[in-house]
Each structure stands twice: as structure tokens, then as C-alpha cells.
């Protein structure tokens, strides 16, 4: 690394946009080409920097209406970047289909379509990174459901919303950030977490369309996702004990 330039073997000095300075000894450099752009991915070895303990623990319920809801009542919105870009993507896909195969115009249209998909993915990743950083900074223990996201994606009514939410990315980012920060990640069985009452542990059946949990046994009334997040946290405490 030489300031805003990187020296590559057999290539020489190349000007770069440096996102952040490496904090340790650079071990490998991988060059990737994507949609007409080149990326240098550096891995480096450095000291882990644990965060100060907060003595706070949280259960996190992942959903499609909200990306994540915590057991203490915080809601992280689901921006739905794919839904917002559907009209533009459809128009660009139509432009590709109208071009002659093998033509320069078709290659140009394909590149524009690929870049739009990349923008959507980058927005989703950026938002997931911000949410994961908030969770890791705020809590010592973070508990998720151990979801089979691939199987859930086969539900045609929810597949697009699940893919647009980016649950896998969020859990992955929280996990590796937590490891370097000295936090703990626990995953628990998701069975009936949204149907059990967090107040009295009775099962209160309700369809997905019902967004408020009300228990006829103990009178507990709260958002169904907050109720699920509290059950997730309680299940982790039982699992650890």
C-alpha cells in the first residue's frame, strides 16, 4: 500500500479508492472483476479489539415487515430495496430482451441491468452492516432463531420478501463482528416462538396477518414480533442454564 495506490505483482502501481486503512499486517490480496469494475480485497492479521461490556442481552426476531425486532422493543425497518427498484429493473430487463443476441447494444443493456442489481444488493448490504454494528455495540449477548432460510424461501408468497430482507447477511455480519468484539451469539429453536405468550408461556394461536399478541390467559398485549423476540431470549437463557 502506498497512500491511495496499491502495488500489484506483474502489474505495478494502481490508483484505488481506499475505503478504510488496514489495521494490521496484510496477508493476501484478491483482485475481483464485477460489472466492469475491479476490486482489491485485502485480508490482514491484527489484534482483536473487544468492546466494553454492556451487561445487556437481547433476543432478535427476523421478519419481512421489519428486518429485525428486539426483545426490548426496538424496530429496525425493512427498506425493501428490491421492491423499490422493481419498475426500473423490469424496464431494463425488457430493454435486454428487445436487443439482438450477440449485439453490442445487448451487451450494453445487460451491463446496465447487472449494475442495477448490484446497486440493490449494495444498499441491502450497507443497511445490514449498520444494523449489525448497532446490535454488537449495544448488547453482550445476541440471540437469533436458527432459521432454515433456504426452505422458507420455497414459500412463494414470502420468497421475494425474505430474499429482499437479507436475513442471512444480517446474521452473518452480526456473527463476525461479535467475534472480534468479544460478544456472544446464540441461535435457538424457532418452534412456536411467535405463538407462545412471553408472559405466561401459554400457546396463543394467531395467523400471520394478526400483528398484535393478546393473551386471554394473562392479558399480555404487545406487538407479536416483540413477543417472539422475548421468547427467543428466554429460550436462550434456558439453553445456557
Protein backbone atom coordinates (compact mmCIF):
# COMPACT_ATOMS: atom_id res chain seq x y z
CA UNK A 1 0.00 0.00 0.00
CA UNK A 2 1.27 3.44 -0.95
CA UNK A 3 -1.28 6.00 0.17
CA UNK A 4 -4.02 5.97 -2.49
CA UNK A 5 -2.17 3.45 -4.65
CA UNK A 6 -1.58 -0.27 -4.41
CA UNK A 7 1.39 -2.12 -5.88
CA UNK A 8 0.40 -5.38 -7.57
CA UNK A 9 2.86 -8.02 -8.71
CA UNK A 10 3.34 -8.16 -12.52
CA UNK A 11 1.08 -5.12 -12.88
CA UNK A 12 2.64 -2.26 -10.94
CA UNK A 13 1.09 0.71 -9.12
CA UNK A 14 -2.67 1.10 -9.48
CA UNK A 15 -4.72 4.03 -8.20
CA UNK A 16 -7.51 2.96 -5.83
CA UNK A 17 -10.44 4.26 -3.81
CA UNK A 18 -9.45 3.23 -0.31
CA UNK A 19 -12.48 2.51 1.89
CA UNK A 20 -10.50 2.21 5.13
CA UNK A 21 -6.92 1.72 6.23
CA UNK A 22 -5.82 -1.85 7.07
CA UNK A 23 -5.25 -2.15 10.82
CA UNK A 24 -2.62 -4.90 10.77
CA UNK A 25 -0.28 -6.92 8.55
CA UNK A 26 -1.66 -7.52 5.05
CA UNK A 27 -1.63 -11.28 4.29
CA UNK A 28 -3.43 -11.68 0.94
CA UNK A 29 -4.81 -9.55 -1.87
CA UNK A 30 -7.54 -10.85 -4.18
CA UNK A 31 -8.49 -8.96 -7.35
CA UNK A 32 -12.10 -9.39 -8.45
CA UNK A 33 -13.81 -8.11 -11.60
CA UNK A 34 -17.52 -7.35 -11.35
CA UNK A 35 -19.75 -5.50 -13.83
CA UNK A 36 -16.89 -3.62 -15.43
CA UNK A 37 -15.25 -2.64 -12.14
CA UNK A 38 -12.23 -4.09 -10.36
CA UNK A 39 -11.98 -4.64 -6.62
CA UNK A 40 -8.95 -5.40 -4.47
CA UNK A 41 -9.97 -7.40 -1.40
CA UNK A 42 -7.30 -7.34 1.31
CA UNK A 43 -7.14 -9.70 4.27
CA UNK A 44 -4.92 -8.71 7.15
CA UNK A 45 -3.87 -10.03 10.52
CA UNK A 46 -4.30 -7.80 13.54
CA UNK A 47 -5.25 -7.69 17.19
CA UNK A 48 -8.90 -8.19 18.13
CA UNK A 49 -10.37 -5.21 19.95
CA UNK A 50 -13.07 -6.36 22.40
CA UNK A 51 -15.71 -3.79 23.30
CA UNK A 52 -16.53 -2.79 26.84
CA UNK A 53 -19.24 -4.96 28.36
CA UNK A 54 -22.75 -3.50 28.49
CA UNK A 55 -24.31 -6.31 30.61
CA UNK A 56 -27.30 -6.27 28.25
CA UNK A 57 -28.77 -9.29 26.44
CA UNK A 58 -31.29 -9.32 23.60
CA UNK A 59 -33.45 -11.63 21.54
CA UNK A 60 -33.89 -10.69 17.88
CA UNK A 61 -36.87 -11.72 15.76
CA UNK A 62 -36.28 -11.50 11.99
CA UNK A 63 -39.27 -10.67 9.79
CA UNK A 64 -40.49 -9.26 6.49
CA UNK A 65 -42.50 -6.31 7.83
CA UNK A 66 -39.48 -5.26 9.92
CA UNK A 67 -36.00 -6.61 9.25
CA UNK A 68 -35.41 -7.16 12.97
CA UNK A 69 -37.31 -6.55 16.20
CA UNK A 70 -35.60 -6.80 19.59
CA UNK A 71 -36.93 -8.11 22.88
CA UNK A 72 -36.63 -4.61 24.39
CA UNK A 73 -38.93 -3.16 21.74
CA UNK A 74 -36.63 -1.68 19.10
CA UNK A 75 -37.74 -1.97 15.48
CA UNK A 76 -35.34 -1.99 12.53
CA UNK A 77 -37.24 -1.24 9.32
CA UNK A 78 -37.07 -3.45 6.24
CA UNK A 79 -36.25 -0.94 3.44
CA UNK A 80 -37.34 -3.36 0.64
CA UNK A 81 -34.74 -2.13 -1.85
CA UNK A 82 -35.70 -4.77 -4.43
CA UNK A 83 -39.38 -3.78 -4.30
CA UNK A 84 -38.43 -0.12 -4.75
CA UNK A 85 -36.36 -0.92 -7.84
CA UNK A 86 -38.75 -3.41 -9.46
CA UNK A 87 -40.14 -0.95 -12.02
CA UNK A 88 -36.65 0.11 -13.14
CA UNK A 89 -35.41 -3.48 -13.24
CA UNK A 90 -38.42 -4.56 -15.28
CA UNK A 91 -37.81 -1.76 -17.78
CA UNK A 92 -34.13 -2.66 -18.12
CA UNK A 93 -34.94 -6.38 -18.45
CA UNK A 94 -37.40 -5.52 -21.23
CA UNK A 95 -34.66 -3.48 -22.94
CA UNK A 96 -32.35 -6.51 -22.85
CA UNK A 97 -34.99 -8.83 -24.31
CA UNK A 98 -35.61 -6.44 -27.24
CA UNK A 99 -31.93 -6.34 -28.29
CA UNK A 100 -30.47 -8.79 -30.80
CA UNK A 101 -28.41 -11.56 -29.22
CA UNK A 102 -24.67 -11.03 -29.63
CA UNK A 103 -25.01 -7.33 -30.46
CA UNK A 104 -23.07 -4.53 -28.74
CA UNK A 105 -26.36 -2.87 -27.75
CA UNK A 106 -27.48 -6.04 -25.97
CA UNK A 107 -24.14 -6.32 -24.13
CA UNK A 108 -24.51 -2.70 -23.02
CA UNK A 109 -28.11 -3.30 -21.85
CA UNK A 110 -27.03 -6.44 -19.94
CA UNK A 111 -24.29 -4.45 -18.20
CA UNK A 112 -26.78 -1.73 -17.15
CA UNK A 113 -29.16 -4.36 -15.78
CA UNK A 114 -26.36 -6.08 -13.85
CA UNK A 115 -25.25 -2.77 -12.33
CA UNK A 116 -28.79 -2.01 -11.16
CA UNK A 117 -28.97 -5.41 -9.46
CA UNK A 118 -25.58 -4.66 -7.88
CA UNK A 119 -26.85 -1.31 -6.54
CA UNK A 120 -29.81 -3.06 -4.90
CA UNK A 121 -27.51 -5.66 -3.32
CA UNK A 122 -25.06 -2.99 -2.12
CA UNK A 123 -27.85 -0.98 -0.47
CA UNK A 124 -29.08 -4.09 1.31
CA UNK A 125 -25.55 -4.96 2.49
CA UNK A 126 -24.89 -1.42 3.70
CA UNK A 127 -28.09 -1.34 5.75
CA UNK A 128 -27.39 -4.80 7.23
CA UNK A 129 -23.89 -3.66 8.23
CA UNK A 130 -25.34 -0.63 10.04
CA UNK A 131 -27.95 -2.70 11.90
CA UNK A 132 -25.37 -5.35 12.85
CA UNK A 133 -22.98 -2.70 14.18
CA UNK A 134 -25.78 -1.22 16.33
CA UNK A 135 -26.62 -4.63 17.82
CA UNK A 136 -22.99 -5.57 18.51
CA UNK A 137 -22.21 -2.22 20.14
CA UNK A 138 -25.30 -2.34 22.34
CA UNK A 139 -25.52 -5.93 23.64
CA UNK A 140 -23.19 -8.54 25.17
CA UNK A 141 -25.36 -11.47 24.07
CA UNK A 142 -27.44 -11.52 20.89
CA UNK A 143 -29.89 -14.37 20.28
CA UNK A 144 -31.37 -15.32 16.90
CA UNK A 145 -33.67 -18.09 15.78
CA UNK A 146 -31.89 -20.93 13.96
CA UNK A 147 -33.98 -20.50 10.80
CA UNK A 148 -33.88 -22.71 7.71
CA UNK A 149 -33.99 -19.71 5.37
CA UNK A 150 -33.48 -21.80 2.24
CA UNK A 151 -36.58 -23.88 2.99
CA UNK A 152 -38.60 -20.77 3.92
CA UNK A 153 -37.68 -19.28 0.53
CA UNK A 154 -39.73 -22.03 -1.14
CA UNK A 155 -42.89 -20.37 0.16
CA UNK A 156 -43.89 -18.47 -3.00
CA UNK A 157 -45.99 -15.98 -1.02
CA UNK A 158 -42.98 -14.87 1.05
CA UNK A 159 -39.94 -15.82 -1.07
CA UNK A 160 -39.35 -12.38 -2.60
CA UNK A 161 -39.84 -10.57 0.72
CA UNK A 162 -37.47 -12.96 2.51
CA UNK A 163 -34.81 -12.52 -0.18
CA UNK A 164 -35.27 -8.74 -0.12
CA UNK A 165 -34.87 -8.63 3.68
CA UNK A 166 -31.41 -10.24 3.63
CA UNK A 167 -31.67 -12.24 6.87
CA UNK A 168 -28.62 -14.37 6.05
CA UNK A 169 -26.45 -11.31 5.55
CA UNK A 170 -27.55 -9.69 8.81
CA UNK A 171 -26.87 -12.81 10.90
CA UNK A 172 -23.51 -13.30 9.17
CA UNK A 173 -22.42 -9.68 9.79
CA UNK A 174 -23.53 -9.75 13.43
CA UNK A 175 -21.68 -13.05 13.96
CA UNK A 176 -18.28 -11.98 12.70
CA UNK A 177 -18.49 -8.51 14.26
CA UNK A 178 -19.44 -10.11 17.59
CA UNK A 179 -16.47 -12.48 17.42
CA UNK A 180 -13.93 -9.66 17.14
CA UNK A 181 -15.79 -7.55 19.72
CA UNK A 182 -15.95 -10.27 22.39
CA UNK A 183 -19.73 -10.63 22.16
CA UNK A 184 -21.69 -13.89 22.22
CA UNK A 185 -24.13 -15.13 19.55
CA UNK A 186 -26.68 -17.84 20.35
CA UNK A 187 -29.15 -19.48 17.95
CA UNK A 188 -32.23 -21.24 19.31
CA UNK A 189 -35.02 -23.46 18.02
CA UNK A 190 -37.66 -21.25 16.31
CA UNK A 191 -40.56 -23.62 17.06
CA UNK A 192 -43.68 -21.65 18.17
CA UNK A 193 -41.74 -18.54 19.25
CA UNK A 194 -44.45 -16.32 17.75
CA UNK A 195 -47.34 -18.35 19.21
CA UNK A 196 -46.21 -18.77 22.83
CA UNK A 197 -47.10 -15.97 25.24
CA UNK A 198 -43.96 -14.42 26.70
CA UNK A 199 -45.91 -13.54 29.85
CA UNK A 200 -47.32 -16.92 30.90
CA UNK A 201 -45.91 -19.42 28.32
CA UNK A 202 -49.37 -20.47 27.12
CA UNK A 203 -49.82 -21.10 23.38
CA UNK A 204 -51.94 -18.42 21.71
CA UNK A 205 -52.57 -19.34 18.07
CA UNK A 206 -52.80 -16.46 15.60
CA UNK A 207 -52.35 -16.14 11.82
CA UNK A 208 -49.51 -14.14 10.29
CA UNK A 209 -51.87 -11.26 9.47
CA UNK A 210 -52.53 -10.62 13.20
CA UNK A 211 -49.74 -8.27 14.29
CA UNK A 212 -50.72 -7.84 17.96
CA UNK A 213 -50.25 -10.59 20.52
CA UNK A 214 -53.03 -10.67 23.13
CA UNK A 215 -53.12 -13.46 25.69
CA UNK A 216 -56.55 -14.40 27.11
CA UNK A 217 -54.84 -16.22 29.99
CA UNK A 218 -52.70 -13.44 31.49
CA UNK A 219 -53.76 -10.36 29.49
CA UNK A 220 -50.31 -9.70 27.95
CA UNK A 221 -50.73 -7.35 24.98
CA UNK A 222 -47.80 -6.32 22.76
CA UNK A 223 -46.52 -6.47 19.21
CA UNK A 224 -46.27 -10.09 18.04
CA UNK A 225 -42.64 -9.64 16.93
CA UNK A 226 -41.62 -8.21 20.32
CA UNK A 227 -43.39 -11.17 21.95
CA UNK A 228 -41.44 -13.56 19.70
CA UNK A 229 -38.13 -11.80 20.46
CA UNK A 230 -38.77 -12.15 24.21
CA UNK A 231 -39.44 -15.86 23.74
CA UNK A 232 -36.20 -16.17 21.75
CA UNK A 233 -34.23 -14.56 24.58
CA UNK A 234 -35.95 -16.71 27.22
CA UNK A 235 -35.20 -19.86 25.21
CA UNK A 236 -31.50 -18.93 25.09
CA UNK A 237 -31.41 -18.49 28.88
CA UNK A 238 -32.88 -21.98 29.31
CA UNK A 239 -30.41 -23.38 26.77
CA UNK A 240 -27.41 -21.82 28.53
CA UNK A 241 -28.58 -22.80 32.03
